[in-house]
Structure formats: C-alpha cells, structure tokens
Amino acid sequence: MGIQILSAMYGPASSQTSPPNVGVDVTTACQNIVNTGNDDIYILPSTFGIQDPDPNVVKTFGVLYTYNNTTQTRFGVDFQTVDLGS
C-alpha cells in the first residue's frame, strides 16, 4: 500500500473524565493493519488490541501518515471506518 503511519492516537473526545485520560498511542497497531494491505481502520479498542481506555465515553481517533509521498491526516470516532488510501 505504501502507507507509513507517523502517529496515531485514540482516546476520549473530551477531558471531562476524572481523572482526564489523554489517550493511547496506537501508532504501531495502525502500521500493522496497513502492513497487511488493508487501508481501512475501524475505530474500536479491539482494532488496536487494547482495552477501552475510558468505558462509556465516546473516543476519537487521529492519524498522521504518508501516502503517495504526501503527509495526510484523518480523524474519526468510535464505530467509524477511516480510509487511509483515498
């Protein structure tokens, strides 16, 4: 696919949790997904091989990556699919 994940984070959409949870680095998990030839990432803790960092709170996902020699970003929330190849 030629996708290189530079950084990917998954965590609560707001800091209204107590204590605030800043998120989880899922860069390696995302690179492993694209290394299989899949350019779609379904946003859920199980996709990243982690436990839910903040149960019952909507989480966001952000990824910074290169594709076709350009740096790109994508964002989403739980239960969405982010397409890195488009």
N, C-alpha and C. Protein backbone atom coordinates (compact mmCIF):
# COMPACT_ATOMS: atom_id res chain seq x y z
N MET A 1 0.82 -1.20 0.00
CA MET A 1 0.00 0.00 0.00
C MET A 1 0.86 1.26 0.00
N GLY A 2 2.05 1.20 0.58
CA GLY A 2 2.89 2.37 0.64
C GLY A 2 2.46 3.40 1.67
N ILE A 3 1.75 2.96 2.69
CA ILE A 3 1.31 3.86 3.76
C ILE A 3 2.26 3.73 4.94
N GLN A 4 2.75 4.87 5.42
CA GLN A 4 3.61 4.90 6.60
C GLN A 4 2.91 5.69 7.69
N ILE A 5 2.59 5.05 8.79
CA ILE A 5 1.93 5.72 9.91
C ILE A 5 2.99 6.47 10.71
N LEU A 6 2.82 7.77 10.84
CA LEU A 6 3.75 8.60 11.61
C LEU A 6 3.33 8.71 13.07
N SER A 7 2.02 8.82 13.28
CA SER A 7 1.48 8.93 14.63
C SER A 7 -0.01 8.63 14.59
N ALA A 8 -0.49 7.92 15.62
CA ALA A 8 -1.93 7.65 15.73
C ALA A 8 -2.30 7.60 17.20
N MET A 9 -3.38 8.30 17.56
CA MET A 9 -3.84 8.37 18.94
C MET A 9 -5.33 8.05 19.01
N TYR A 10 -5.71 7.40 20.12
CA TYR A 10 -7.10 7.02 20.35
C TYR A 10 -7.43 7.35 21.80
N GLY A 11 -8.50 8.10 22.04
CA GLY A 11 -8.85 8.44 23.41
C GLY A 11 -10.15 9.21 23.51
N PRO A 12 -10.51 9.60 24.72
CA PRO A 12 -11.77 10.29 24.96
C PRO A 12 -11.90 11.57 24.16
N ALA A 13 -13.12 11.86 23.74
CA ALA A 13 -13.38 13.05 22.94
C ALA A 13 -13.27 14.32 23.78
N SER A 14 -13.45 14.21 25.09
CA SER A 14 -13.36 15.39 25.94
C SER A 14 -12.53 15.05 27.17
N SER A 15 -12.14 16.06 27.88
CA SER A 15 -11.35 15.84 29.09
C SER A 15 -12.23 15.91 30.32
N GLN A 16 -13.50 15.55 30.17
CA GLN A 16 -14.42 15.64 31.31
C GLN A 16 -14.43 14.36 32.14
N THR A 17 -13.51 13.49 31.86
CA THR A 17 -13.41 12.29 32.68
C THR A 17 -12.58 12.61 33.90
N SER A 18 -12.69 11.81 34.92
CA SER A 18 -11.95 12.09 36.14
C SER A 18 -11.21 10.83 36.58
N PRO A 19 -9.89 10.80 36.58
CA PRO A 19 -9.03 11.86 36.07
C PRO A 19 -9.02 11.90 34.55
N PRO A 20 -8.63 13.01 33.95
CA PRO A 20 -8.62 13.10 32.49
C PRO A 20 -7.74 12.02 31.87
N ASN A 21 -8.22 11.43 30.81
CA ASN A 21 -7.47 10.40 30.10
C ASN A 21 -7.05 10.99 28.76
N VAL A 22 -5.75 11.09 28.55
CA VAL A 22 -5.26 11.77 27.36
C VAL A 22 -5.31 10.93 26.10
N GLY A 23 -5.38 9.66 26.22
CA GLY A 23 -5.42 8.81 25.05
C GLY A 23 -4.30 7.80 25.02
N VAL A 24 -4.37 6.95 24.00
CA VAL A 24 -3.44 5.84 23.87
C VAL A 24 -2.75 5.96 22.52
N ASP A 25 -1.45 5.75 22.52
CA ASP A 25 -0.69 5.74 21.27
C ASP A 25 -0.95 4.41 20.57
N VAL A 26 -1.58 4.45 19.39
CA VAL A 26 -1.90 3.24 18.64
C VAL A 26 -1.16 3.22 17.29
N THR A 27 -0.05 3.93 17.23
CA THR A 27 0.73 4.03 16.00
C THR A 27 1.15 2.65 15.48
N THR A 28 1.74 1.84 16.34
CA THR A 28 2.22 0.52 15.91
C THR A 28 1.07 -0.36 15.44
N ALA A 29 -0.04 -0.35 16.17
CA ALA A 29 -1.21 -1.17 15.77
C ALA A 29 -1.71 -0.75 14.39
N CYS A 30 -1.75 0.54 14.13
CA CYS A 30 -2.22 1.02 12.82
C CYS A 30 -1.25 0.64 11.71
N GLN A 31 0.05 0.73 11.99
CA GLN A 31 1.03 0.33 10.97
C GLN A 31 0.89 -1.16 10.67
N ASN A 32 0.65 -1.96 11.71
CA ASN A 32 0.46 -3.39 11.50
C ASN A 32 -0.76 -3.67 10.62
N ILE A 33 -1.81 -2.89 10.79
CA ILE A 33 -3.01 -3.06 9.96
C ILE A 33 -2.70 -2.76 8.50
N VAL A 34 -2.06 -1.63 8.23
CA VAL A 34 -1.78 -1.28 6.84
C VAL A 34 -0.72 -2.19 6.23
N ASN A 35 0.15 -2.77 7.04
CA ASN A 35 1.15 -3.69 6.52
C ASN A 35 0.53 -4.95 5.94
N THR A 36 -0.71 -5.26 6.35
CA THR A 36 -1.41 -6.44 5.80
C THR A 36 -2.05 -6.14 4.45
N GLY A 37 -1.99 -4.86 4.02
CA GLY A 37 -2.59 -4.48 2.75
C GLY A 37 -3.95 -3.83 2.92
N ASN A 38 -4.40 -3.68 4.16
CA ASN A 38 -5.69 -3.05 4.44
C ASN A 38 -5.47 -1.56 4.71
N ASP A 39 -6.18 -0.70 3.97
CA ASP A 39 -6.03 0.74 4.21
C ASP A 39 -7.22 1.33 4.97
N ASP A 40 -8.09 0.47 5.48
CA ASP A 40 -9.24 0.91 6.28
C ASP A 40 -9.00 0.57 7.75
N ILE A 41 -9.27 1.53 8.63
CA ILE A 41 -9.14 1.29 10.07
C ILE A 41 -10.50 1.53 10.72
N TYR A 42 -11.05 0.46 11.29
CA TYR A 42 -12.32 0.53 12.00
C TYR A 42 -12.02 0.94 13.44
N ILE A 43 -12.62 2.03 13.87
CA ILE A 43 -12.25 2.63 15.16
C ILE A 43 -12.98 1.97 16.32
N LEU A 44 -12.23 1.13 17.01
CA LEU A 44 -12.67 0.44 18.23
C LEU A 44 -11.42 0.01 18.99
N PRO A 45 -11.50 -0.11 20.31
CA PRO A 45 -10.33 -0.57 21.06
C PRO A 45 -9.82 -1.93 20.57
N SER A 46 -10.73 -2.83 20.23
CA SER A 46 -10.31 -4.17 19.81
C SER A 46 -9.50 -4.13 18.52
N THR A 47 -9.76 -3.16 17.66
CA THR A 47 -8.98 -3.00 16.43
C THR A 47 -7.51 -2.76 16.77
N PHE A 48 -7.27 -2.02 17.84
CA PHE A 48 -5.92 -1.64 18.22
C PHE A 48 -5.30 -2.61 19.23
N GLY A 49 -6.07 -3.62 19.63
CA GLY A 49 -5.56 -4.61 20.58
C GLY A 49 -5.41 -4.07 21.99
N ILE A 50 -6.29 -3.13 22.37
CA ILE A 50 -6.23 -2.53 23.70
C ILE A 50 -7.58 -2.66 24.39
N GLN A 51 -7.58 -2.45 25.70
CA GLN A 51 -8.84 -2.35 26.43
C GLN A 51 -9.37 -0.94 26.28
N ASP A 52 -10.66 -0.79 26.43
CA ASP A 52 -11.29 0.53 26.32
C ASP A 52 -10.66 1.45 27.37
N PRO A 53 -10.00 2.54 26.92
CA PRO A 53 -9.32 3.42 27.87
C PRO A 53 -10.27 4.25 28.74
N ASP A 54 -11.53 4.35 28.35
CA ASP A 54 -12.49 5.15 29.10
C ASP A 54 -13.90 4.65 28.77
N PRO A 55 -14.34 3.56 29.41
CA PRO A 55 -15.64 2.97 29.09
C PRO A 55 -16.79 3.97 29.19
N ASN A 56 -17.76 3.80 28.31
CA ASN A 56 -18.98 4.61 28.26
C ASN A 56 -18.73 6.07 27.88
N VAL A 57 -17.57 6.34 27.30
CA VAL A 57 -17.24 7.69 26.82
C VAL A 57 -16.85 7.56 25.35
N VAL A 58 -17.37 8.45 24.51
CA VAL A 58 -17.02 8.43 23.09
C VAL A 58 -15.54 8.76 22.93
N LYS A 59 -14.85 7.94 22.14
CA LYS A 59 -13.44 8.17 21.88
C LYS A 59 -13.24 8.69 20.46
N THR A 60 -12.17 9.46 20.30
CA THR A 60 -11.80 9.95 18.98
C THR A 60 -10.50 9.27 18.55
N PHE A 61 -10.26 9.30 17.25
CA PHE A 61 -9.06 8.70 16.67
C PHE A 61 -8.48 9.71 15.70
N GLY A 62 -7.19 9.87 15.76
CA GLY A 62 -6.50 10.73 14.80
C GLY A 62 -5.24 10.05 14.33
N VAL A 63 -4.97 10.18 13.03
CA VAL A 63 -3.78 9.54 12.47
C VAL A 63 -3.08 10.51 11.52
N LEU A 64 -1.76 10.56 11.63
CA LEU A 64 -0.90 11.33 10.73
C LEU A 64 -0.07 10.30 9.98
N TYR A 65 -0.08 10.36 8.65
CA TYR A 65 0.59 9.33 7.87
C TYR A 65 1.02 9.87 6.51
N THR A 66 1.88 9.11 5.84
CA THR A 66 2.25 9.46 4.48
C THR A 66 1.67 8.42 3.53
N TYR A 67 1.21 8.92 2.39
CA TYR A 67 0.65 8.07 1.34
C TYR A 67 0.92 8.77 0.01
N ASN A 68 1.49 8.05 -0.93
CA ASN A 68 1.86 8.64 -2.22
C ASN A 68 2.74 9.89 -2.05
N ASN A 69 3.69 9.80 -1.13
CA ASN A 69 4.65 10.87 -0.88
C ASN A 69 4.03 12.16 -0.37
N THR A 70 2.83 12.09 0.20
CA THR A 70 2.23 13.27 0.82
C THR A 70 1.81 12.93 2.25
N THR A 71 1.99 13.89 3.14
CA THR A 71 1.56 13.72 4.52
C THR A 71 0.09 14.07 4.63
N GLN A 72 -0.66 13.19 5.29
CA GLN A 72 -2.10 13.36 5.40
C GLN A 72 -2.55 13.10 6.82
N THR A 73 -3.76 13.57 7.15
CA THR A 73 -4.37 13.29 8.45
C THR A 73 -5.79 12.80 8.22
N ARG A 74 -6.25 11.98 9.14
CA ARG A 74 -7.64 11.53 9.15
C ARG A 74 -8.08 11.49 10.61
N PHE A 75 -9.36 11.72 10.82
CA PHE A 75 -9.95 11.71 12.15
C PHE A 75 -11.27 10.96 12.11
N GLY A 76 -11.66 10.41 13.24
CA GLY A 76 -12.95 9.74 13.35
C GLY A 76 -13.28 9.47 14.80
N VAL A 77 -14.44 8.85 15.01
CA VAL A 77 -14.88 8.48 16.36
C VAL A 77 -15.24 7.00 16.36
N ASP A 78 -15.49 6.48 17.55
CA ASP A 78 -15.86 5.06 17.70
C ASP A 78 -16.87 4.63 16.65
N PHE A 79 -16.69 3.44 16.12
CA PHE A 79 -17.58 2.76 15.18
C PHE A 79 -17.52 3.34 13.75
N GLN A 80 -16.61 4.24 13.49
CA GLN A 80 -16.42 4.74 12.12
C GLN A 80 -15.23 4.02 11.51
N THR A 81 -15.20 4.03 10.18
CA THR A 81 -14.07 3.48 9.44
C THR A 81 -13.34 4.64 8.77
N VAL A 82 -12.03 4.68 8.97
CA VAL A 82 -11.20 5.70 8.37
C VAL A 82 -10.45 5.05 7.21
N ASP A 83 -10.59 5.62 6.01
CA ASP A 83 -9.93 5.10 4.82
C ASP A 83 -8.66 5.90 4.58
N LEU A 84 -7.52 5.24 4.71
CA LEU A 84 -6.24 5.92 4.53
C LEU A 84 -5.76 5.94 3.09
N GLY A 85 -6.43 5.21 2.22
CA GLY A 85 -5.97 5.12 0.84
C GLY A 85 -6.71 6.03 -0.11
N SER A 86 -7.54 6.91 0.41
CA SER A 86 -8.28 7.80 -0.51
C SER A 86 -7.84 9.24 -0.38
